[in-house]
Amino acid sequence: MAEAKKENWFKRAWGKTCKYFRELKSELKKVVWPTPQQVLKNAVVVVACVIAVGVFIWLFDFVAQVGIDALINAFH
């Protein structure tokens, strides 16, 4: 019996790559993309959260520094 000849490595890799991009294209067609207004709204929320967390970290750092300075001055 003659064995079926296997495709070479390049043809298999090229076929898998093409299949990947075909599937990627079909999946991207299913995505519900946000409107520019939604993007702006979400960006504002993210910036506000970043600022809030930054202020919280700054306040904690400031209070900790004042406390440590007070302890150092008390025992110095």
PDB file of N, CA and C in Angstrom:
ATOM      1  N   MET A   1       0.819  -1.177   0.000  1.00  0.00           N
ATOM      2  CA  MET A   1       0.000   0.000   0.000  1.00  0.00           C
ATOM      3  C   MET A   1       0.863   1.240   0.000  1.00  0.00           C
ATOM      4  N   ALA A   2       0.472   2.194  -0.771  1.00  0.00           N
ATOM      5  CA  ALA A   2       1.219   3.448  -0.829  1.00  0.00           C
ATOM      6  C   ALA A   2       0.694   4.386   0.252  1.00  0.00           C
ATOM      7  N   GLU A   3       1.625   5.017   0.912  1.00  0.00           N
ATOM      8  CA  GLU A   3       1.238   5.950   1.965  1.00  0.00           C
ATOM      9  C   GLU A   3       0.902   7.302   1.354  1.00  0.00           C
ATOM     10  N   ALA A   4      -0.051   7.979   1.964  1.00  0.00           N
ATOM     11  CA  ALA A   4      -0.412   9.321   1.496  1.00  0.00           C
ATOM     12  C   ALA A   4       0.710  10.277   1.875  1.00  0.00           C
ATOM     13  N   LYS A   5       1.082  11.114   0.938  1.00  0.00           N
ATOM     14  CA  LYS A   5       2.183  12.043   1.177  1.00  0.00           C
ATOM     15  C   LYS A   5       1.688  13.193   2.056  1.00  0.00           C
ATOM     16  N   LYS A   6       2.456  13.486   3.116  1.00  0.00           N
ATOM     17  CA  LYS A   6       2.090  14.581   4.009  1.00  0.00           C
ATOM     18  C   LYS A   6       2.485  15.904   3.375  1.00  0.00           C
ATOM     19  N   GLU A   7       1.686  16.919   3.655  1.00  0.00           N
ATOM     20  CA  GLU A   7       2.048  18.249   3.185  1.00  0.00           C
ATOM     21  C   GLU A   7       3.306  18.697   3.919  1.00  0.00           C
ATOM     22  N   ASN A   8       4.072  19.533   3.265  1.00  0.00           N
ATOM     23  CA  ASN A   8       5.275  19.998   3.941  1.00  0.00           C
ATOM     24  C   ASN A   8       4.906  21.000   5.037  1.00  0.00           C
ATOM     25  N   TRP A   9       5.871  21.313   5.845  1.00  0.00           N
ATOM     26  CA  TRP A   9       5.658  22.162   7.015  1.00  0.00           C
ATOM     27  C   TRP A   9       5.139  23.540   6.622  1.00  0.00           C
ATOM     28  N   PHE A  10       5.687  24.119   5.568  1.00  0.00           N
ATOM     29  CA  PHE A  10       5.291  25.464   5.174  1.00  0.00           C
ATOM     30  C   PHE A  10       3.819  25.513   4.766  1.00  0.00           C
ATOM     31  N   LYS A  11       3.356  24.531   4.012  1.00  0.00           N
ATOM     32  CA  LYS A  11       1.955  24.517   3.586  1.00  0.00           C
ATOM     33  C   LYS A  11       1.027  24.365   4.785  1.00  0.00           C
ATOM     34  N   ARG A  12       1.401  23.520   5.737  1.00  0.00           N
ATOM     35  CA  ARG A  12       0.566  23.349   6.932  1.00  0.00           C
ATOM     36  C   ARG A  12       0.518  24.637   7.740  1.00  0.00           C
ATOM     37  N   ALA A  13       1.681  25.268   7.929  1.00  0.00           N
ATOM     38  CA  ALA A  13       1.738  26.513   8.708  1.00  0.00           C
ATOM     39  C   ALA A  13       0.970  27.619   8.002  1.00  0.00           C
ATOM     40  N   TRP A  14       1.107  27.712   6.678  1.00  0.00           N
ATOM     41  CA  TRP A  14       0.406  28.751   5.917  1.00  0.00           C
ATOM     42  C   TRP A  14      -1.105  28.531   5.996  1.00  0.00           C
ATOM     43  N   GLY A  15      -1.527  27.281   5.908  1.00  0.00           N
ATOM     44  CA  GLY A  15      -2.957  26.967   5.997  1.00  0.00           C
ATOM     45  C   GLY A  15      -3.534  27.335   7.363  1.00  0.00           C
ATOM     46  N   LYS A  16      -2.779  27.032   8.433  1.00  0.00           N
ATOM     47  CA  LYS A  16      -3.241  27.369   9.784  1.00  0.00           C
ATOM     48  C   LYS A  16      -3.293  28.879   9.981  1.00  0.00           C
ATOM     49  N   THR A  17      -2.313  29.572   9.418  1.00  0.00           N
ATOM     50  CA  THR A  17      -2.284  31.034   9.545  1.00  0.00           C
ATOM     51  C   THR A  17      -3.475  31.645   8.819  1.00  0.00           C
ATOM     52  N   CYS A  18      -3.750  31.179   7.607  1.00  0.00           N
ATOM     53  CA  CYS A  18      -4.896  31.694   6.846  1.00  0.00           C
ATOM     54  C   CYS A  18      -6.200  31.399   7.580  1.00  0.00           C
ATOM     55  N   LYS A  19      -6.326  30.204   8.130  1.00  0.00           N
ATOM     56  CA  LYS A  19      -7.530  29.845   8.868  1.00  0.00           C
ATOM     57  C   LYS A  19      -7.701  30.748  10.081  1.00  0.00           C
ATOM     58  N   TYR A  20      -6.614  31.032  10.781  1.00  0.00           N
ATOM     59  CA  TYR A  20      -6.661  31.910  11.956  1.00  0.00           C
ATOM     60  C   TYR A  20      -7.205  33.285  11.578  1.00  0.00           C
ATOM     61  N   PHE A  21      -6.687  33.877  10.509  1.00  0.00           N
ATOM     62  CA  PHE A  21      -7.132  35.211  10.119  1.00  0.00           C
ATOM     63  C   PHE A  21      -8.565  35.216   9.585  1.00  0.00           C
ATOM     64  N   ARG A  22      -8.997  34.145   8.927  1.00  0.00           N
ATOM     65  CA  ARG A  22     -10.397  34.055   8.493  1.00  0.00           C
ATOM     66  C   ARG A  22     -11.327  34.029   9.700  1.00  0.00           C
ATOM     67  N   GLU A  23     -10.967  33.218  10.711  1.00  0.00           N
ATOM     68  CA  GLU A  23     -11.783  33.133  11.915  1.00  0.00           C
ATOM     69  C   GLU A  23     -11.749  34.445  12.691  1.00  0.00           C
ATOM     70  N   LEU A  24     -10.596  35.093  12.716  1.00  0.00           N
ATOM     71  CA  LEU A  24     -10.473  36.384  13.389  1.00  0.00           C
ATOM     72  C   LEU A  24     -11.398  37.409  12.743  1.00  0.00           C
ATOM     73  N   LYS A  25     -11.422  37.441  11.425  1.00  0.00           N
ATOM     74  CA  LYS A  25     -12.273  38.383  10.700  1.00  0.00           C
ATOM     75  C   LYS A  25     -13.741  38.115  11.007  1.00  0.00           C
ATOM     76  N   SER A  26     -14.128  36.846  11.034  1.00  0.00           N
ATOM     77  CA  SER A  26     -15.538  36.539  11.307  1.00  0.00           C
ATOM     78  C   SER A  26     -15.910  36.895  12.743  1.00  0.00           C
ATOM     79  N   GLU A  27     -14.999  36.725  13.694  1.00  0.00           N
ATOM     80  CA  GLU A  27     -15.290  37.090  15.079  1.00  0.00           C
ATOM     81  C   GLU A  27     -15.370  38.606  15.246  1.00  0.00           C
ATOM     82  N   LEU A  28     -14.510  39.338  14.550  1.00  0.00           N
ATOM     83  CA  LEU A  28     -14.541  40.795  14.666  1.00  0.00           C
ATOM     84  C   LEU A  28     -15.822  41.385  14.089  1.00  0.00           C
ATOM     85  N   LYS A  29     -16.460  40.680  13.157  1.00  0.00           N
ATOM     86  CA  LYS A  29     -17.734  41.149  12.620  1.00  0.00           C
ATOM     87  C   LYS A  29     -18.843  41.045  13.666  1.00  0.00           C
ATOM     88  N   LYS A  30     -18.682  40.161  14.660  1.00  0.00           N
ATOM     89  CA  LYS A  30     -19.690  39.958  15.689  1.00  0.00           C
ATOM     90  C   LYS A  30     -19.571  40.974  16.833  1.00  0.00           C
ATOM     91  N   VAL A  31     -18.478  41.702  16.888  1.00  0.00           N
ATOM     92  CA  VAL A  31     -18.242  42.624  17.987  1.00  0.00           C
ATOM     93  C   VAL A  31     -19.188  43.819  17.867  1.00  0.00           C
ATOM     94  N   VAL A  32     -19.747  44.219  19.008  1.00  0.00           N
ATOM     95  CA  VAL A  32     -20.570  45.429  19.058  1.00  0.00           C
ATOM     96  C   VAL A  32     -19.647  46.546  19.525  1.00  0.00           C
ATOM     97  N   TRP A  33     -19.259  47.406  18.606  1.00  0.00           N
ATOM     98  CA  TRP A  33     -18.301  48.450  18.916  1.00  0.00           C
ATOM     99  C   TRP A  33     -19.005  49.603  19.620  1.00  0.00           C
ATOM    100  N   PRO A  34     -18.348  50.227  20.624  1.00  0.00           N
ATOM    101  CA  PRO A  34     -18.971  51.336  21.345  1.00  0.00           C
ATOM    102  C   PRO A  34     -19.021  52.598  20.486  1.00  0.00           C
ATOM    103  N   THR A  35     -19.994  53.436  20.805  1.00  0.00           N
ATOM    104  CA  THR A  35     -20.109  54.711  20.105  1.00  0.00           C
ATOM    105  C   THR A  35     -19.052  55.667  20.655  1.00  0.00           C
ATOM    106  N   PRO A  36     -18.733  56.731  19.923  1.00  0.00           N
ATOM    107  CA  PRO A  36     -17.764  57.709  20.445  1.00  0.00           C
ATOM    108  C   PRO A  36     -18.199  58.309  21.783  1.00  0.00           C
ATOM    109  N   GLN A  37     -19.510  58.485  21.980  1.00  0.00           N
ATOM    110  CA  GLN A  37     -19.991  59.019  23.251  1.00  0.00           C
ATOM    111  C   GLN A  37     -19.723  58.037  24.402  1.00  0.00           C
ATOM    112  N   GLN A  38     -19.907  56.754  24.150  1.00  0.00           N
ATOM    113  CA  GLN A  38     -19.621  55.747  25.174  1.00  0.00           C
ATOM    114  C   GLN A  38     -18.134  55.708  25.495  1.00  0.00           C
ATOM    115  N   VAL A  39     -17.312  55.824  24.470  1.00  0.00           N
ATOM    116  CA  VAL A  39     -15.865  55.814  24.687  1.00  0.00           C
ATOM    117  C   VAL A  39     -15.460  57.018  25.538  1.00  0.00           C
ATOM    118  N   LEU A  40     -15.997  58.184  25.220  1.00  0.00           N
ATOM    119  CA  LEU A  40     -15.683  59.391  25.984  1.00  0.00           C
ATOM    120  C   LEU A  40     -16.148  59.248  27.429  1.00  0.00           C
ATOM    121  N   LYS A  41     -17.364  58.749  27.620  1.00  0.00           N
ATOM    122  CA  LYS A  41     -17.909  58.568  28.968  1.00  0.00           C
ATOM    123  C   LYS A  41     -17.027  57.606  29.775  1.00  0.00           C
ATOM    124  N   ASN A  42     -16.652  56.495  29.167  1.00  0.00           N
ATOM    125  CA  ASN A  42     -15.807  55.519  29.853  1.00  0.00           C
ATOM    126  C   ASN A  42     -14.421  56.089  30.148  1.00  0.00           C
ATOM    127  N   ALA A  43     -13.887  56.872  29.224  1.00  0.00           N
ATOM    128  CA  ALA A  43     -12.573  57.477  29.439  1.00  0.00           C
ATOM    129  C   ALA A  43     -12.622  58.467  30.608  1.00  0.00           C
ATOM    130  N   VAL A  44     -13.705  59.224  30.701  1.00  0.00           N
ATOM    131  CA  VAL A  44     -13.848  60.176  31.811  1.00  0.00           C
ATOM    132  C   VAL A  44     -13.930  59.425  33.135  1.00  0.00           C
ATOM    133  N   VAL A  45     -14.662  58.323  33.163  1.00  0.00           N
ATOM    134  CA  VAL A  45     -14.759  57.521  34.386  1.00  0.00           C
ATOM    135  C   VAL A  45     -13.386  56.984  34.778  1.00  0.00           C
ATOM    136  N   VAL A  46     -12.627  56.503  33.821  1.00  0.00           N
ATOM    137  CA  VAL A  46     -11.294  55.961  34.112  1.00  0.00           C
ATOM    138  C   VAL A  46     -10.376  57.055  34.646  1.00  0.00           C
ATOM    139  N   VAL A  47     -10.383  58.220  34.011  1.00  0.00           N
ATOM    140  CA  VAL A  47      -9.530  59.325  34.466  1.00  0.00           C
ATOM    141  C   VAL A  47      -9.935  59.758  35.871  1.00  0.00           C
ATOM    142  N   ALA A  48     -11.236  59.835  36.152  1.00  0.00           N
ATOM    143  CA  ALA A  48     -11.702  60.219  37.481  1.00  0.00           C
ATOM    144  C   ALA A  48     -11.256  59.202  38.536  1.00  0.00           C
ATOM    145  N   CYS A  49     -11.335  57.922  38.203  1.00  0.00           N
ATOM    146  CA  CYS A  49     -10.895  56.885  39.143  1.00  0.00           C
ATOM    147  C   CYS A  49      -9.394  56.956  39.381  1.00  0.00           C
ATOM    148  N   VAL A  50      -8.629  57.201  38.336  1.00  0.00           N
ATOM    149  CA  VAL A  50      -7.172  57.318  38.482  1.00  0.00           C
ATOM    150  C   VAL A  50      -6.824  58.501  39.379  1.00  0.00           C
ATOM    151  N   ILE A  51      -7.509  59.617  39.183  1.00  0.00           N
ATOM    152  CA  ILE A  51      -7.256  60.802  40.013  1.00  0.00           C
ATOM    153  C   ILE A  51      -7.648  60.518  41.461  1.00  0.00           C
ATOM    154  N   ALA A  52      -8.803  59.873  41.673  1.00  0.00           N
ATOM    155  CA  ALA A  52      -9.249  59.567  43.034  1.00  0.00           C
ATOM    156  C   ALA A  52      -8.258  58.650  43.751  1.00  0.00           C
ATOM    157  N   VAL A  53      -7.808  57.623  43.076  1.00  0.00           N
ATOM    158  CA  VAL A  53      -6.841  56.706  43.691  1.00  0.00           C
ATOM    159  C   VAL A  53      -5.520  57.421  43.942  1.00  0.00           C
ATOM    160  N   GLY A  54      -5.108  58.280  43.021  1.00  0.00           N
ATOM    161  CA  GLY A  54      -3.879  59.036  43.207  1.00  0.00           C
ATOM    162  C   GLY A  54      -3.956  59.953  44.417  1.00  0.00           C
ATOM    163  N   VAL A  55      -5.095  60.628  44.589  1.00  0.00           N
ATOM    164  CA  VAL A  55      -5.275  61.497  45.753  1.00  0.00           C
ATOM    165  C   VAL A  55      -5.271  60.677  47.036  1.00  0.00           C
ATOM    166  N   PHE A  56      -5.942  59.522  47.017  1.00  0.00           N
ATOM    167  CA  PHE A  56      -5.951  58.658  48.192  1.00  0.00           C
ATOM    168  C   PHE A  56      -4.540  58.201  48.562  1.00  0.00           C
ATOM    169  N   ILE A  57      -3.764  57.794  47.597  1.00  0.00           N
ATOM    170  CA  ILE A  57      -2.388  57.354  47.863  1.00  0.00           C
ATOM    171  C   ILE A  57      -1.549  58.530  48.363  1.00  0.00           C
ATOM    172  N   TRP A  58      -1.731  59.715  47.769  1.00  0.00           N
ATOM    173  CA  TRP A  58      -0.984  60.896  48.210  1.00  0.00           C
ATOM    174  C   TRP A  58      -1.331  61.226  49.665  1.00  0.00           C
ATOM    175  N   LEU A  59      -2.630  61.189  50.020  1.00  0.00           N
ATOM    176  CA  LEU A  59      -3.029  61.481  51.397  1.00  0.00           C
ATOM    177  C   LEU A  59      -2.460  60.458  52.370  1.00  0.00           C
ATOM    178  N   PHE A  60      -2.537  59.183  52.017  1.00  0.00           N
ATOM    179  CA  PHE A  60      -1.979  58.146  52.886  1.00  0.00           C
ATOM    180  C   PHE A  60      -0.481  58.335  53.073  1.00  0.00           C
ATOM    181  N   ASP A  61       0.225  58.648  52.000  1.00  0.00           N
ATOM    182  CA  ASP A  61       1.659  58.865  52.069  1.00  0.00           C
ATOM    183  C   ASP A  61       1.974  60.077  52.940  1.00  0.00           C
ATOM    184  N   PHE A  62       1.194  61.151  52.773  1.00  0.00           N
ATOM    185  CA  PHE A  62       1.413  62.363  53.557  1.00  0.00           C
ATOM    186  C   PHE A  62       1.188  62.099  55.051  1.00  0.00           C
ATOM    187  N   VAL A  63       0.094  61.430  55.397  1.00  0.00           N
ATOM    188  CA  VAL A  63      -0.205  61.116  56.802  1.00  0.00           C
ATOM    189  C   VAL A  63       0.866  60.196  57.377  1.00  0.00           C
ATOM    190  N   ALA A  64       1.291  59.200  56.621  1.00  0.00           N
ATOM    191  CA  ALA A  64       2.335  58.289  57.098  1.00  0.00           C
ATOM    192  C   ALA A  64       3.650  59.043  57.316  1.00  0.00           C
ATOM    193  N   GLN A  65       3.988  59.959  56.415  1.00  0.00           N
ATOM    194  CA  GLN A  65       5.217  60.725  56.566  1.00  0.00           C
ATOM    195  C   GLN A  65       5.160  61.621  57.798  1.00  0.00           C
ATOM    196  N   VAL A  66       4.029  62.278  58.019  1.00  0.00           N
ATOM    197  CA  VAL A  66       3.874  63.132  59.201  1.00  0.00           C
ATOM    198  C   VAL A  66       3.979  62.290  60.465  1.00  0.00           C
ATOM    199  N   GLY A  67       3.351  61.115  60.458  1.00  0.00           N
ATOM    200  CA  GLY A  67       3.426  60.231  61.630  1.00  0.00           C
ATOM    201  C   GLY A  67       4.843  59.740  61.907  1.00  0.00           C
ATOM    202  N   ILE A  68       5.549  59.367  60.868  1.00  0.00           N
ATOM    203  CA  ILE A  68       6.918  58.884  61.056  1.00  0.00           C
ATOM    204  C   ILE A  68       7.821  60.023  61.515  1.00  0.00           C
ATOM    205  N   ASP A  69       7.651  61.205  60.940  1.00  0.00           N
ATOM    206  CA  ASP A  69       8.436  62.374  61.372  1.00  0.00           C
ATOM    207  C   ASP A  69       8.161  62.684  62.852  1.00  0.00           C
ATOM    208  N   ALA A  70       6.902  62.566  63.279  1.00  0.00           N
ATOM    209  CA  ALA A  70       6.552  62.832  64.668  1.00  0.00           C
ATOM    210  C   ALA A  70       7.229  61.812  65.579  1.00  0.00           C
ATOM    211  N   LEU A  71       7.241  60.543  65.165  1.00  0.00           N
ATOM    212  CA  LEU A  71       7.903  59.519  65.974  1.00  0.00           C
ATOM    213  C   LEU A  71       9.407  59.760  66.037  1.00  0.00           C
ATOM    214  N   ILE A  72      10.007  60.116  64.937  1.00  0.00           N
ATOM    215  CA  ILE A  72      11.458  60.366  64.926  1.00  0.00           C
ATOM    216  C   ILE A  72      11.795  61.551  65.813  1.00  0.00           C
ATOM    217  N   ASN A  73      11.000  62.634  65.731  1.00  0.00           N
ATOM    218  CA  ASN A  73      11.259  63.807  66.555  1.00  0.00           C
ATOM    219  C   ASN A  73      10.987  63.526  68.031  1.00  0.00           C
ATOM    220  N   ALA A  74      10.042  62.645  68.333  1.00  0.00           N
ATOM    221  CA  ALA A  74       9.738  62.329  69.736  1.00  0.00           C
ATOM    222  C   ALA A  74      10.878  61.562  70.385  1.00  0.00           C
ATOM    223  N   PHE A  75      11.569  60.722  69.653  1.00  0.00           N
ATOM    224  CA  PHE A  75      12.636  59.909  70.224  1.00  0.00           C
ATOM    225  C   PHE A  75      14.032  60.421  69.894  1.00  0.00           C
ATOM    226  N   HIS A  76      14.098  61.576  69.281  1.00  0.00           N
ATOM    227  CA  HIS A  76      15.397  62.090  68.846  1.00  0.00           C
ATOM    228  C   HIS A  76      15.924  63.076  69.789  1.00  0.00           C
TER     229      HIS A  76
END
